[in-house]
Structure formats: structure tokens, C-alpha cells
């Protein structure tokens, strides 16, 4: 067996959603979830969604850990359809947020296979990712991609129910084939056995 991924994501589905822990949000929304760092293109995502008043965004991150995050939080705190949440670590609360998302926006532009991207692929919803080689590799070129705030806004507008279902099913198929912990564990064991 080839070792095609180094992170599983199926554990994100293993816990029941806990709606009591996250309240006051729209019924459906785009979701972004990351450390609030420039290389995660947080400002670009917020700028793009500021142009989309009919598309609520819930963005979860450590806004208060840096001047970068604090400035962005202040800048967008009055934008009615953008909801900036502090970090959510409770698995049930995360499951609840992920279940209600119709789109996942992934801005990471550095690193390798990202755990939050792999986890969201198991939810069978469309993924809009920053167009870098890591994200394209992880999603096998089947997600939607952006490089600028304007491209992001255009891509969000272009996702209808047919396109969204198609992308979501591609993500789920890839996730089940490459990013399941049991298979990854088995592949690592086989690599060790062959040494």
C-alpha cells in the first residue's frame, strides 16, 4: 500500500454535534477555521466576503493573539454578515459548526497536508482553497481555488447547488480514499515492516 496522505480526517465525524455551545449564528454559512496568521490569507478571505453581503461567513480563529488578528477583528467587527469567533476546541461544537457550513474556505498557503482541510473534506461540501500546490495536491485539483479577494468572491458566487454537490462529492471520495486514519496507520505499519 502506498502512503498517500499523512493526516486522517475521519475523526471529525466521530463525535456528535453539540448545538448548545455555539449560538447566535445564521442557519447556514461559509466556514473558515485557522490560526490568524498572514500566510493563511485571513485578510484576503475577509475582504472577499465583505463583497458578499448575501453570503454569511463564520470565521473561527485566535484573533486576540497578535496585532494582525486584533486589527482584522476591529476592521470587520461591524460587518453584519461576517461572524468572527474565538477558537473552538470542543469537538462537539466543531462538529456542529461543520455540519451547518455549506462551504469551507481554506486560506493556508504554506506547509503540507493541512489537518483542517483534510477534516473538512469528509463533510462532502464544496471547498474553496487558496491556489497553492499543497492545497491542489491534497484536493487532487478538484476543489475551487482563489488567489485574490476578487477571485474568492467570484468563485463563491459561481457555486450553485449542482457545482457545490459535485465538488463536495469529489472531496468526500478523495478523503475516504486517502485521509482515513485506519488506512494511514496500516500504511505506516507496512512501511515499518518493510525496513
C-alpha atoms as a PDB file:
ATOM      1  CA  UNK A   1       0.000   0.000   0.000  1.00  0.00           C
ATOM      2  CA  UNK A   2       1.316   3.447  -0.909  1.00  0.00           C
ATOM      3  CA  UNK A   3       1.434   6.085   1.774  1.00  0.00           C
ATOM      4  CA  UNK A   4      -0.584   8.824   0.027  1.00  0.00           C
ATOM      5  CA  UNK A   5      -1.548  11.011   2.986  1.00  0.00           C
ATOM      6  CA  UNK A   6      -0.110  11.708   6.406  1.00  0.00           C
ATOM      7  CA  UNK A   7      -3.240  13.007   8.138  1.00  0.00           C
ATOM      8  CA  UNK A   8      -6.588  11.383   8.687  1.00  0.00           C
ATOM      9  CA  UNK A   9      -9.742  13.444   8.899  1.00  0.00           C
ATOM     10  CA  UNK A  10     -12.498  10.941   9.621  1.00  0.00           C
ATOM     11  CA  UNK A  11     -12.203  11.545  13.387  1.00  0.00           C
ATOM     12  CA  UNK A  12     -14.044  14.858  12.824  1.00  0.00           C
ATOM     13  CA  UNK A  13     -17.215  12.836  12.171  1.00  0.00           C
ATOM     14  CA  UNK A  14     -16.790  10.563  15.189  1.00  0.00           C
ATOM     15  CA  UNK A  15     -18.350  12.950  17.716  1.00  0.00           C
ATOM     16  CA  UNK A  16     -21.976  14.075  17.966  1.00  0.00           C
ATOM     17  CA  UNK A  17     -22.682  17.757  17.231  1.00  0.00           C
ATOM     18  CA  UNK A  18     -23.299  19.989  20.256  1.00  0.00           C
ATOM     19  CA  UNK A  19     -25.532  22.897  19.205  1.00  0.00           C
ATOM     20  CA  UNK A  20     -25.704  24.369  22.705  1.00  0.00           C
ATOM     21  CA  UNK A  21     -22.090  25.519  22.600  1.00  0.00           C
ATOM     22  CA  UNK A  22     -22.338  27.750  19.516  1.00  0.00           C
ATOM     23  CA  UNK A  23     -25.362  30.041  19.327  1.00  0.00           C
ATOM     24  CA  UNK A  24     -26.422  33.209  17.541  1.00  0.00           C
ATOM     25  CA  UNK A  25     -25.227  32.245  14.063  1.00  0.00           C
ATOM     26  CA  UNK A  26     -27.096  32.115  10.743  1.00  0.00           C
ATOM     27  CA  UNK A  27     -28.733  28.826   9.805  1.00  0.00           C
ATOM     28  CA  UNK A  28     -26.198  28.213   7.041  1.00  0.00           C
ATOM     29  CA  UNK A  29     -22.857  29.842   6.319  1.00  0.00           C
ATOM     30  CA  UNK A  30     -19.429  29.594   4.762  1.00  0.00           C
ATOM     31  CA  UNK A  31     -16.859  28.464   7.324  1.00  0.00           C
ATOM     32  CA  UNK A  32     -13.182  29.345   7.707  1.00  0.00           C
ATOM     33  CA  UNK A  33     -11.082  27.917  10.518  1.00  0.00           C
ATOM     34  CA  UNK A  34      -7.392  28.609  11.122  1.00  0.00           C
ATOM     35  CA  UNK A  35      -4.652  30.328  13.090  1.00  0.00           C
ATOM     36  CA  UNK A  36      -4.926  34.039  12.367  1.00  0.00           C
ATOM     37  CA  UNK A  37      -1.640  34.479  10.503  1.00  0.00           C
ATOM     38  CA  UNK A  38      -0.806  36.326   7.251  1.00  0.00           C
ATOM     39  CA  UNK A  39       0.207  33.115   5.433  1.00  0.00           C
ATOM     40  CA  UNK A  40      -3.338  31.835   5.961  1.00  0.00           C
ATOM     41  CA  UNK A  41      -4.647  34.749   3.860  1.00  0.00           C
ATOM     42  CA  UNK A  42      -7.113  35.816   6.537  1.00  0.00           C
ATOM     43  CA  UNK A  43      -7.283  39.416   5.311  1.00  0.00           C
ATOM     44  CA  UNK A  44      -7.921  38.234   1.745  1.00  0.00           C
ATOM     45  CA  UNK A  45     -10.794  35.985   2.847  1.00  0.00           C
ATOM     46  CA  UNK A  46     -12.401  38.749   4.893  1.00  0.00           C
ATOM     47  CA  UNK A  47     -12.001  41.255   2.066  1.00  0.00           C
ATOM     48  CA  UNK A  48     -13.604  38.817  -0.359  1.00  0.00           C
ATOM     49  CA  UNK A  49     -16.582  38.092   1.871  1.00  0.00           C
ATOM     50  CA  UNK A  50     -17.067  41.783   2.647  1.00  0.00           C
ATOM     51  CA  UNK A  51     -18.185  41.982  -1.022  1.00  0.00           C
ATOM     52  CA  UNK A  52     -20.777  39.223  -0.453  1.00  0.00           C
ATOM     53  CA  UNK A  53     -23.472  40.522   1.942  1.00  0.00           C
ATOM     54  CA  UNK A  54     -25.811  37.662   0.950  1.00  0.00           C
ATOM     55  CA  UNK A  55     -23.250  35.024   1.962  1.00  0.00           C
ATOM     56  CA  UNK A  56     -22.649  34.844   5.732  1.00  0.00           C
ATOM     57  CA  UNK A  57     -19.166  33.837   6.846  1.00  0.00           C
ATOM     58  CA  UNK A  58     -18.247  32.294  10.187  1.00  0.00           C
ATOM     59  CA  UNK A  59     -14.503  32.617  10.752  1.00  0.00           C
ATOM     60  CA  UNK A  60     -13.004  30.820  13.758  1.00  0.00           C
ATOM     61  CA  UNK A  61      -9.536  31.750  14.967  1.00  0.00           C
ATOM     62  CA  UNK A  62      -7.235  33.182  17.615  1.00  0.00           C
ATOM     63  CA  UNK A  63      -7.985  36.838  16.805  1.00  0.00           C
ATOM     64  CA  UNK A  64      -6.532  38.245  20.016  1.00  0.00           C
ATOM     65  CA  UNK A  65      -3.125  36.516  19.826  1.00  0.00           C
ATOM     66  CA  UNK A  66      -1.486  39.060  17.528  1.00  0.00           C
ATOM     67  CA  UNK A  67      -1.736  42.633  16.332  1.00  0.00           C
ATOM     68  CA  UNK A  68      -2.606  41.260  12.891  1.00  0.00           C
ATOM     69  CA  UNK A  69      -5.644  39.459  14.296  1.00  0.00           C
ATOM     70  CA  UNK A  70      -6.746  42.320  16.519  1.00  0.00           C
ATOM     71  CA  UNK A  71      -6.631  44.799  13.623  1.00  0.00           C
ATOM     72  CA  UNK A  72      -8.681  42.498  11.385  1.00  0.00           C
ATOM     73  CA  UNK A  73     -11.214  41.813  14.118  1.00  0.00           C
ATOM     74  CA  UNK A  74     -11.688  45.529  14.695  1.00  0.00           C
ATOM     75  CA  UNK A  75     -11.918  46.237  10.962  1.00  0.00           C
ATOM     76  CA  UNK A  76     -14.620  43.620  10.297  1.00  0.00           C
ATOM     77  CA  UNK A  77     -16.467  43.506  13.630  1.00  0.00           C
ATOM     78  CA  UNK A  78     -19.222  45.775  12.305  1.00  0.00           C
ATOM     79  CA  UNK A  79     -19.701  43.815   9.074  1.00  0.00           C
ATOM     80  CA  UNK A  80     -23.079  42.254   9.807  1.00  0.00           C
ATOM     81  CA  UNK A  81     -22.767  39.048   7.782  1.00  0.00           C
ATOM     82  CA  UNK A  82     -19.218  38.237   8.994  1.00  0.00           C
ATOM     83  CA  UNK A  83     -19.046  36.425  12.332  1.00  0.00           C
ATOM     84  CA  UNK A  84     -15.592  36.267  13.948  1.00  0.00           C
ATOM     85  CA  UNK A  85     -15.448  33.558  16.623  1.00  0.00           C
ATOM     86  CA  UNK A  86     -12.717  32.853  19.130  1.00  0.00           C
ATOM     87  CA  UNK A  87     -11.054  29.424  18.889  1.00  0.00           C
ATOM     88  CA  UNK A  88     -13.434  26.478  19.253  1.00  0.00           C
ATOM     89  CA  UNK A  89     -11.723  23.410  20.675  1.00  0.00           C
ATOM     90  CA  UNK A  90     -14.717  21.378  21.820  1.00  0.00           C
ATOM     91  CA  UNK A  91     -15.192  18.530  19.294  1.00  0.00           C
ATOM     92  CA  UNK A  92     -18.988  18.647  19.560  1.00  0.00           C
ATOM     93  CA  UNK A  93     -19.078  22.384  18.921  1.00  0.00           C
ATOM     94  CA  UNK A  94     -16.723  21.999  15.946  1.00  0.00           C
ATOM     95  CA  UNK A  95     -18.924  19.233  14.556  1.00  0.00           C
ATOM     96  CA  UNK A  96     -21.968  21.493  14.920  1.00  0.00           C
ATOM     97  CA  UNK A  97     -20.261  24.313  13.010  1.00  0.00           C
ATOM     98  CA  UNK A  98     -19.047  21.979  10.282  1.00  0.00           C
ATOM     99  CA  UNK A  99     -22.461  20.358   9.870  1.00  0.00           C
ATOM    100  CA  UNK A 100     -24.077  23.754   9.257  1.00  0.00           C
ATOM    101  CA  UNK A 101     -21.491  25.001   6.769  1.00  0.00           C
ATOM    102  CA  UNK A 102     -22.422  24.950   3.086  1.00  0.00           C
ATOM    103  CA  UNK A 103     -18.860  25.920   2.030  1.00  0.00           C
ATOM    104  CA  UNK A 104     -15.414  25.627   3.578  1.00  0.00           C
ATOM    105  CA  UNK A 105     -12.866  28.358   2.782  1.00  0.00           C
ATOM    106  CA  UNK A 106      -9.236  27.335   3.250  1.00  0.00           C
ATOM    107  CA  UNK A 107      -6.666  30.115   3.028  1.00  0.00           C
ATOM    108  CA  UNK A 108      -3.466  28.296   4.018  1.00  0.00           C
ATOM    109  CA  UNK A 109      -0.654  28.945   1.560  1.00  0.00           C
ATOM    110  CA  UNK A 110       2.288  27.322   3.364  1.00  0.00           C
ATOM    111  CA  UNK A 111       3.003  23.901   4.811  1.00  0.00           C
ATOM    112  CA  UNK A 112       1.887  20.496   3.612  1.00  0.00           C
ATOM    113  CA  UNK A 113      -1.266  18.467   4.003  1.00  0.00           C
ATOM    114  CA  UNK A 114      -3.314  20.573   6.400  1.00  0.00           C
ATOM    115  CA  UNK A 115      -5.413  18.786   9.062  1.00  0.00           C
ATOM    116  CA  UNK A 116      -8.334  21.234   8.953  1.00  0.00           C
ATOM    117  CA  UNK A 117      -8.617  20.847   5.166  1.00  0.00           C
ATOM    118  CA  UNK A 118      -8.489  17.055   5.347  1.00  0.00           C
ATOM    119  CA  UNK A 119     -11.112  17.039   8.116  1.00  0.00           C
ATOM    120  CA  UNK A 120     -13.495  19.238   6.120  1.00  0.00           C
ATOM    121  CA  UNK A 121     -13.167  17.049   3.033  1.00  0.00           C
ATOM    122  CA  UNK A 122     -15.058  14.346   4.954  1.00  0.00           C
ATOM    123  CA  UNK A 123     -18.120  16.623   5.221  1.00  0.00           C
ATOM    124  CA  UNK A 124     -18.853  16.418   1.468  1.00  0.00           C
ATOM    125  CA  UNK A 125     -19.289  20.163   0.982  1.00  0.00           C
ATOM    126  CA  UNK A 126     -17.575  22.385  -1.593  1.00  0.00           C
ATOM    127  CA  UNK A 127     -14.112  23.602  -0.680  1.00  0.00           C
ATOM    128  CA  UNK A 128     -12.696  26.901  -1.861  1.00  0.00           C
ATOM    129  CA  UNK A 129      -8.952  26.852  -1.239  1.00  0.00           C
ATOM    130  CA  UNK A 130      -6.057  29.192  -1.815  1.00  0.00           C
ATOM    131  CA  UNK A 131      -4.429  28.188  -5.080  1.00  0.00           C
ATOM    132  CA  UNK A 132      -1.135  26.775  -3.875  1.00  0.00           C
ATOM    133  CA  UNK A 133       0.464  23.445  -4.688  1.00  0.00           C
ATOM    134  CA  UNK A 134      -0.210  21.936  -1.233  1.00  0.00           C
ATOM    135  CA  UNK A 135      -3.956  22.558  -1.425  1.00  0.00           C
ATOM    136  CA  UNK A 136      -4.174  21.443  -5.036  1.00  0.00           C
ATOM    137  CA  UNK A 137      -2.309  18.230  -4.185  1.00  0.00           C
ATOM    138  CA  UNK A 138      -4.486  17.497  -1.158  1.00  0.00           C
ATOM    139  CA  UNK A 139      -7.720  18.038  -3.102  1.00  0.00           C
ATOM    140  CA  UNK A 140      -6.353  16.465  -6.312  1.00  0.00           C
ATOM    141  CA  UNK A 141      -7.245  19.605  -8.254  1.00  0.00           C
ATOM    142  CA  UNK A 142     -10.978  19.006  -7.692  1.00  0.00           C
ATOM    143  CA  UNK A 143     -11.761  21.889  -5.318  1.00  0.00           C
ATOM    144  CA  UNK A 144     -12.379  25.501  -6.327  1.00  0.00           C
ATOM    145  CA  UNK A 145      -9.394  27.845  -5.918  1.00  0.00           C
ATOM    146  CA  UNK A 146      -8.637  31.531  -5.453  1.00  0.00           C
ATOM    147  CA  UNK A 147      -5.577  33.806  -5.445  1.00  0.00           C
ATOM    148  CA  UNK A 148      -7.172  37.185  -4.703  1.00  0.00           C
ATOM    149  CA  UNK A 149     -10.125  38.572  -2.761  1.00  0.00           C
ATOM    150  CA  UNK A 150     -11.920  39.302  -6.019  1.00  0.00           C
ATOM    151  CA  UNK A 151     -11.375  35.759  -7.281  1.00  0.00           C
ATOM    152  CA  UNK A 152     -12.676  34.433  -3.974  1.00  0.00           C
ATOM    153  CA  UNK A 153     -15.871  36.495  -4.266  1.00  0.00           C
ATOM    154  CA  UNK A 154     -16.341  35.418  -7.886  1.00  0.00           C
ATOM    155  CA  UNK A 155     -15.839  31.734  -7.012  1.00  0.00           C
ATOM    156  CA  UNK A 156     -18.360  31.919  -4.147  1.00  0.00           C
ATOM    157  CA  UNK A 157     -20.958  33.472  -6.455  1.00  0.00           C
ATOM    158  CA  UNK A 158     -20.300  30.757  -9.061  1.00  0.00           C
ATOM    159  CA  UNK A 159     -21.036  27.828  -6.735  1.00  0.00           C
ATOM    160  CA  UNK A 160     -24.612  26.712  -7.308  1.00  0.00           C
ATOM    161  CA  UNK A 161     -26.214  23.553  -5.903  1.00  0.00           C
ATOM    162  CA  UNK A 162     -25.045  21.369  -8.814  1.00  0.00           C
ATOM    163  CA  UNK A 163     -21.463  22.655  -8.758  1.00  0.00           C
ATOM    164  CA  UNK A 164     -21.356  22.517  -4.959  1.00  0.00           C
ATOM    165  CA  UNK A 165     -22.626  18.924  -4.836  1.00  0.00           C
ATOM    166  CA  UNK A 166     -20.097  17.897  -7.469  1.00  0.00           C
ATOM    167  CA  UNK A 167     -17.146  19.439  -5.603  1.00  0.00           C
ATOM    168  CA  UNK A 168     -18.386  18.066  -2.279  1.00  0.00           C
ATOM    169  CA  UNK A 169     -18.661  14.512  -3.607  1.00  0.00           C
ATOM    170  CA  UNK A 170     -15.148  14.732  -5.108  1.00  0.00           C
ATOM    171  CA  UNK A 171     -13.823  15.893  -1.722  1.00  0.00           C
ATOM    172  CA  UNK A 172     -15.531  13.033   0.105  1.00  0.00           C
ATOM    173  CA  UNK A 173     -14.275  10.438  -2.373  1.00  0.00           C
ATOM    174  CA  UNK A 174     -10.685  11.693  -2.038  1.00  0.00           C
ATOM    175  CA  UNK A 175     -10.963  11.890   1.751  1.00  0.00           C
ATOM    176  CA  UNK A 176     -12.230   8.315   2.033  1.00  0.00           C
ATOM    177  CA  UNK A 177      -9.500   7.048  -0.283  1.00  0.00           C
ATOM    178  CA  UNK A 178      -6.532   8.951   1.176  1.00  0.00           C
ATOM    179  CA  UNK A 179      -7.325  10.522   4.542  1.00  0.00           C
ATOM    180  CA  UNK A 180      -8.775   7.819   6.821  1.00  0.00           C
ATOM    181  CA  UNK A 181      -6.797   7.050   9.970  1.00  0.00           C
ATOM    182  CA  UNK A 182      -7.167   3.257   9.758  1.00  0.00           C
ATOM    183  CA  UNK A 183      -5.665   3.198   6.263  1.00  0.00           C
ATOM    184  CA  UNK A 184      -2.911   5.669   7.146  1.00  0.00           C
ATOM    185  CA  UNK A 185      -1.991   3.621  10.211  1.00  0.00           C
ATOM    186  CA  UNK A 186      -1.904   0.448   8.119  1.00  0.00           C
ATOM    187  CA  UNK A 187       0.335   2.131   5.525  1.00  0.00           C
ATOM    188  CA  UNK A 188       2.771   3.344   8.197  1.00  0.00           C
ATOM    189  CA  UNK A 189       2.873  -0.144   9.683  1.00  0.00           C
ATOM    190  CA  UNK A 190       3.646  -1.620   6.256  1.00  0.00           C
ATOM    191  CA  UNK A 191       6.457   0.905   5.733  1.00  0.00           C
ATOM    192  CA  UNK A 192       7.962  -0.062   9.103  1.00  0.00           C
ATOM    193  CA  UNK A 193       7.586  -3.772   8.330  1.00  0.00           C
ATOM    194  CA  UNK A 194       9.464  -3.335   5.048  1.00  0.00           C
ATOM    195  CA  UNK A 195      12.533  -1.797   6.740  1.00  0.00           C
END
